[in-house]
Amino acid sequence: MTERPGKPKKPAWVIDKERARRAGAAETVWLFGLHAVRDALANPAREKLRLVATPNAVDRLGDLHGIDPEITDPRVFGKAVPLAPDSVHQGAALEVKPLKWGGLSDVVLRQAPGERRPLLVALDRVTDPHNIGAILRSAEVFGARAVIAPARHSAPETGALAKTASGALERQPYLRVPNLAEALSQLKGMGFTLVGLDGTGDQPLPDLLATLHGRALCLVLGAEGPGMRELTLKSCDHVARIPFAADFGSLNVSNAAAVGLYAASMA
């Protein structure tokens, strides 16, 4: 009697990839704080799962957009939701699925409201959620189309990031791409000029921007300390520095992004 051949065994890498995909699909995020929760509730693109709030927070949130809240006593709020002990939750937490913005070209080729020129921000190894939240907020204020970061070396969507972004996470695309160098190459093909911001830059940023009037720009920034990786730096068409009043001047990455976005949006 001959044995029927069984189903071919999948390679380990295929199994790992499928597990990661299932885990990603099941991933949820707890947003906290009145502003972050209120803006997420108002976002029709956001998949909302649970709203946990104190009676006072429910009153302050206003329109709950059809979500039935789980009312909890302020004294036991920390036991009702899995937040870090130091989270400034203001009595409100919302469990959600991460936002899906679509592919790179879907987002970066879409005109932003009131933009003076097409403008993007790319971040290399910026892992602090507070920095990324602040950058998202600045990107929204100055009309950038998206903030782009590598999936493996950047802060994921978290409650701390959302709270720092002060609502911008719901409106400002935050794309985490598989390979930043490949994404930067694609942006060049879409007509974007890549401007790295680094203290070693040959030109002050205002001088460089004066030569790039009207061009679509992507500002590229690295993490504080190590800065951009070598391949990221080589991908840039230009590397500029933010001029300081003294030799010891420096800015953290979120402040540098804000200055760069303002200068680029006005040039």
Protein backbone atom coordinates (compact mmCIF):
# COMPACT_ATOMS: atom_id res chain seq x y z
CA MET A 1 0.00 0.00 0.00
CA THR A 2 1.46 3.33 -1.02
CA GLU A 3 1.28 6.33 1.28
CA ARG A 4 -0.35 9.42 -0.07
CA PRO A 5 2.03 12.33 0.02
CA GLY A 6 1.19 14.78 2.77
CA LYS A 7 0.85 18.51 2.39
CA PRO A 8 4.28 20.06 1.84
CA LYS A 9 5.65 21.63 5.02
CA LYS A 10 5.97 25.39 4.89
CA PRO A 11 9.42 26.88 5.39
CA ALA A 12 10.04 28.42 8.81
CA TRP A 13 10.33 31.92 7.35
CA VAL A 14 6.88 31.60 5.76
CA ILE A 15 5.37 30.43 9.06
CA ASP A 16 7.03 33.34 10.93
CA LYS A 17 5.76 35.83 8.37
CA GLU A 18 2.20 34.49 8.63
CA ARG A 19 2.33 34.63 12.43
CA ALA A 20 3.58 38.22 12.30
CA ARG A 21 0.76 39.14 9.91
CA ARG A 22 -1.85 37.59 12.23
CA ALA A 23 -0.33 39.31 15.26
CA GLY A 24 -0.34 42.62 13.43
CA ALA A 25 -3.98 42.19 12.49
CA ALA A 26 -4.86 41.51 16.13
CA GLU A 27 -2.77 44.41 17.50
CA THR A 28 -4.61 47.07 19.42
CA VAL A 29 -3.54 50.36 20.95
CA TRP A 30 -4.80 52.10 24.08
CA LEU A 31 -5.08 55.86 23.53
CA PHE A 32 -5.43 57.99 26.63
CA GLY A 33 -6.02 61.61 27.59
CA LEU A 34 -9.07 63.71 26.74
CA HIS A 35 -7.66 65.30 23.59
CA ALA A 36 -6.31 62.11 22.03
CA VAL A 37 -9.46 60.13 22.87
CA ARG A 38 -11.82 62.86 21.67
CA ASP A 39 -10.07 63.17 18.31
CA ALA A 40 -9.95 59.38 17.85
CA LEU A 41 -13.67 59.13 18.59
CA ALA A 42 -14.35 61.76 15.92
CA ASN A 43 -12.18 59.98 13.31
CA PRO A 44 -14.41 57.78 11.09
CA ALA A 45 -11.33 55.94 9.79
CA ARG A 46 -10.38 54.77 13.28
CA GLU A 47 -11.64 51.33 14.36
CA LYS A 48 -12.74 51.72 17.98
CA LEU A 49 -13.11 48.78 20.36
CA ARG A 50 -13.59 49.94 23.96
CA LEU A 51 -14.00 53.28 25.71
CA VAL A 52 -13.25 53.29 29.43
CA ALA A 53 -13.86 56.56 31.25
CA THR A 54 -14.76 58.13 34.55
CA PRO A 55 -18.11 59.97 34.83
CA ASN A 56 -16.32 63.33 34.76
CA ALA A 57 -14.31 62.38 31.66
CA VAL A 58 -17.46 61.26 29.82
CA ASP A 59 -18.98 64.69 30.43
CA ARG A 60 -15.82 66.43 29.21
CA LEU A 61 -15.48 64.26 26.09
CA GLY A 62 -18.83 65.44 24.73
CA ASP A 63 -19.98 63.56 21.61
CA LEU A 64 -19.01 59.88 21.92
CA HIS A 65 -19.98 59.17 18.29
CA GLY A 66 -22.13 56.18 19.16
CA ILE A 67 -19.63 54.41 21.45
CA ASP A 68 -21.05 53.09 24.72
CA PRO A 69 -18.53 53.87 27.46
CA GLU A 70 -17.55 51.57 30.29
CA ILE A 71 -17.91 53.84 33.30
CA THR A 72 -15.35 53.30 36.02
CA ASP A 73 -14.49 54.89 39.34
CA PRO A 74 -11.42 57.17 39.21
CA ARG A 75 -9.87 55.26 42.14
CA VAL A 76 -9.74 51.99 40.18
CA PHE A 77 -9.16 53.38 36.69
CA GLY A 78 -5.62 52.00 36.58
CA LYS A 79 -6.95 48.46 37.08
CA ALA A 80 -9.55 48.78 34.31
CA VAL A 81 -7.10 49.54 31.49
CA PRO A 82 -3.50 48.37 30.85
CA LEU A 83 -1.71 51.73 30.96
CA ALA A 84 1.71 52.58 32.33
CA PRO A 85 1.52 53.93 35.90
CA ASP A 86 2.79 57.38 34.84
CA SER A 87 0.24 57.81 32.00
CA VAL A 88 -1.63 61.12 32.30
CA HIS A 89 -4.95 59.61 31.23
CA GLN A 90 -7.35 62.26 32.62
CA GLY A 91 -9.87 59.48 33.24
CA ALA A 92 -10.29 58.46 29.59
CA ALA A 93 -8.84 55.57 27.56
CA LEU A 94 -9.87 54.19 24.19
CA GLU A 95 -8.80 50.82 22.76
CA VAL A 96 -8.39 51.05 18.98
CA LYS A 97 -6.81 49.37 15.99
CA PRO A 98 -3.81 51.16 14.41
CA LEU A 99 -4.69 53.43 11.51
CA LYS A 100 -4.19 52.22 7.95
CA TRP A 101 -3.03 55.02 5.67
CA GLY A 102 -2.36 52.95 2.55
CA GLY A 103 0.78 52.73 0.44
CA LEU A 104 3.52 55.30 0.00
CA SER A 105 2.30 56.65 -3.33
CA ASP A 106 -1.32 56.72 -2.10
CA VAL A 107 -0.36 59.24 0.57
CA VAL A 108 2.58 61.28 -0.70
CA LEU A 109 1.01 62.12 -4.05
CA ARG A 110 -2.15 63.42 -2.38
CA GLN A 111 -2.24 67.20 -2.05
CA ALA A 112 -2.43 68.47 1.52
CA PRO A 113 -4.95 71.20 2.36
CA GLY A 114 -3.46 74.70 2.00
CA GLU A 115 0.04 73.51 1.14
CA ARG A 116 2.50 75.98 -0.42
CA ARG A 117 4.64 73.15 -1.82
CA PRO A 118 4.59 69.33 -1.53
CA LEU A 119 6.36 68.61 1.76
CA LEU A 120 7.29 65.38 3.59
CA VAL A 121 9.32 64.37 6.63
CA ALA A 122 11.39 61.18 6.78
CA LEU A 123 12.82 59.96 10.09
CA ASP A 124 15.73 57.55 10.47
CA ARG A 125 15.87 55.60 13.75
CA VAL A 126 13.80 58.11 15.74
CA THR A 127 12.37 55.82 18.41
CA ASP A 128 11.13 58.20 21.12
CA PRO A 129 7.30 58.35 20.87
CA HIS A 130 7.26 61.85 22.34
CA ASN A 131 9.58 63.13 19.61
CA ILE A 132 7.52 61.51 16.86
CA GLY A 133 4.28 62.79 18.38
CA ALA A 134 5.68 66.33 18.41
CA ILE A 135 6.89 65.96 14.81
CA LEU A 136 3.44 64.78 13.69
CA ARG A 137 1.95 67.85 15.32
CA SER A 138 4.41 70.16 13.53
CA ALA A 139 3.88 68.32 10.24
CA GLU A 140 0.15 68.96 10.48
CA VAL A 141 0.61 72.62 11.39
CA PHE A 142 2.96 73.30 8.45
CA GLY A 143 1.00 71.26 5.89
CA ALA A 144 3.23 68.23 5.32
CA ARG A 145 1.68 65.35 3.43
CA ALA A 146 3.15 62.61 5.64
CA VAL A 147 5.77 61.59 8.18
CA ILE A 148 7.67 58.48 7.03
CA ALA A 149 9.77 56.14 9.19
CA PRO A 150 11.20 52.61 8.99
CA ALA A 151 8.91 49.98 10.51
CA ARG A 152 11.65 48.30 12.58
CA HIS A 153 13.50 51.36 13.88
CA SER A 154 10.83 53.86 14.85
CA ALA A 155 8.21 54.33 17.53
CA PRO A 156 4.97 52.48 16.76
CA GLU A 157 1.56 54.03 17.26
CA THR A 158 1.13 54.23 21.05
CA GLY A 159 -0.90 56.13 23.60
CA ALA A 160 2.13 58.23 24.57
CA LEU A 161 2.77 59.15 20.93
CA ALA A 162 -0.90 60.04 20.38
CA LYS A 163 -1.04 62.20 23.50
CA THR A 164 2.06 64.16 22.48
CA ALA A 165 0.67 64.56 18.96
CA SER A 166 -2.37 66.25 20.52
CA GLY A 167 -4.81 64.88 17.93
CA ALA A 168 -2.50 65.11 14.91
CA LEU A 169 -2.12 61.32 14.80
CA GLU A 170 -5.72 61.05 13.62
CA ARG A 171 -5.17 63.40 10.68
CA GLN A 172 -1.47 63.40 9.82
CA PRO A 173 -0.34 60.28 7.93
CA TYR A 174 2.38 58.36 9.77
CA LEU A 175 3.78 55.73 7.40
CA ARG A 176 6.14 53.06 8.69
CA VAL A 177 7.78 51.51 5.65
CA PRO A 178 9.68 48.19 5.37
CA ASN A 179 12.86 49.81 4.02
CA LEU A 180 13.60 53.51 4.42
CA ALA A 181 16.32 53.63 1.73
CA GLU A 182 13.94 52.10 -0.82
CA ALA A 183 11.19 54.53 0.19
CA LEU A 184 13.55 57.48 -0.25
CA SER A 185 14.49 56.19 -3.70
CA GLN A 186 10.79 55.96 -4.59
CA LEU A 187 10.26 59.53 -3.40
CA LYS A 188 12.99 60.73 -5.75
CA GLY A 189 11.17 58.97 -8.57
CA MET A 190 8.01 60.84 -7.58
CA GLY A 191 9.81 64.16 -7.96
CA PHE A 192 10.80 64.92 -4.37
CA THR A 193 14.16 66.51 -3.55
CA LEU A 194 15.63 64.95 -0.39
CA VAL A 195 17.14 67.44 2.04
CA GLY A 196 18.95 65.95 5.02
CA LEU A 197 19.14 68.07 8.17
CA ASP A 198 22.44 67.48 9.93
CA GLY A 199 25.02 69.54 11.78
CA THR A 200 27.63 68.52 9.19
CA GLY A 201 25.67 70.07 6.32
CA ASP A 202 27.60 72.21 3.84
CA GLN A 203 24.93 74.93 3.59
CA PRO A 204 22.67 76.70 6.03
CA LEU A 205 19.10 75.57 5.43
CA PRO A 206 17.75 79.02 4.43
CA ASP A 207 20.47 79.41 1.77
CA LEU A 208 19.72 75.97 0.32
CA LEU A 209 15.95 76.54 0.29
CA ALA A 210 16.44 79.75 -1.68
CA THR A 211 17.80 77.61 -4.54
CA LEU A 212 14.93 75.09 -4.37
CA HIS A 213 11.98 77.44 -4.68
CA GLY A 214 8.74 75.59 -5.41
CA ARG A 215 10.25 72.10 -5.51
CA ALA A 216 8.64 69.17 -3.72
CA LEU A 217 10.78 68.51 -0.63
CA CYS A 218 11.33 65.69 1.82
CA LEU A 219 13.18 66.72 4.98
CA VAL A 220 15.22 63.81 6.33
CA LEU A 221 16.27 63.70 9.99
CA GLY A 222 18.12 61.16 12.11
CA ALA A 223 17.98 60.28 15.77
CA GLU A 224 19.68 62.47 18.34
CA GLY A 225 23.22 61.25 18.87
CA PRO A 226 23.81 58.74 16.07
CA GLY A 227 22.02 60.84 13.45
CA MET A 228 21.20 59.38 10.05
CA ARG A 229 22.65 56.08 8.92
CA GLU A 230 25.29 56.29 6.20
CA LEU A 231 22.98 54.93 3.50
CA THR A 232 20.26 57.40 4.47
CA LEU A 233 22.74 60.28 4.35
CA LYS A 234 23.97 59.18 0.91
CA SER A 235 20.37 59.03 -0.33
CA CYS A 236 19.89 62.76 0.30
CA ASP A 237 20.28 65.16 -2.62
CA HIS A 238 21.47 67.88 -0.24
CA VAL A 239 22.55 68.03 3.39
CA ALA A 240 21.92 71.31 5.19
CA ARG A 241 22.37 72.59 8.71
CA ILE A 242 20.17 74.80 10.83
CA PRO A 243 22.30 77.86 11.66
CA PHE A 244 22.85 78.59 15.34
CA ALA A 245 23.83 81.79 17.09
CA ALA A 246 26.73 80.06 18.86
CA ASP A 247 29.00 77.07 18.27
CA PHE A 248 27.41 75.09 21.11
CA GLY A 249 23.83 75.48 19.86
CA SER A 250 21.75 72.36 19.27
CA LEU A 251 18.13 71.26 18.93
CA ASN A 252 16.46 67.96 19.60
CA VAL A 253 15.00 66.18 16.59
CA SER A 254 11.42 67.35 17.11
CA ASN A 255 12.49 70.99 17.40
CA ALA A 256 14.77 70.66 14.36
CA ALA A 257 11.86 69.19 12.39
CA ALA A 258 9.62 72.08 13.40
CA VAL A 259 12.22 74.67 12.34
CA GLY A 260 12.87 72.85 9.07
CA LEU A 261 9.16 72.49 8.28
CA TYR A 262 8.52 76.17 8.95
CA ALA A 263 11.45 77.26 6.79
CA ALA A 264 10.49 74.91 3.94
CA SER A 265 6.82 75.86 4.05
CA MET A 266 7.65 79.57 3.80
CA ALA A 267 10.50 79.43 1.25
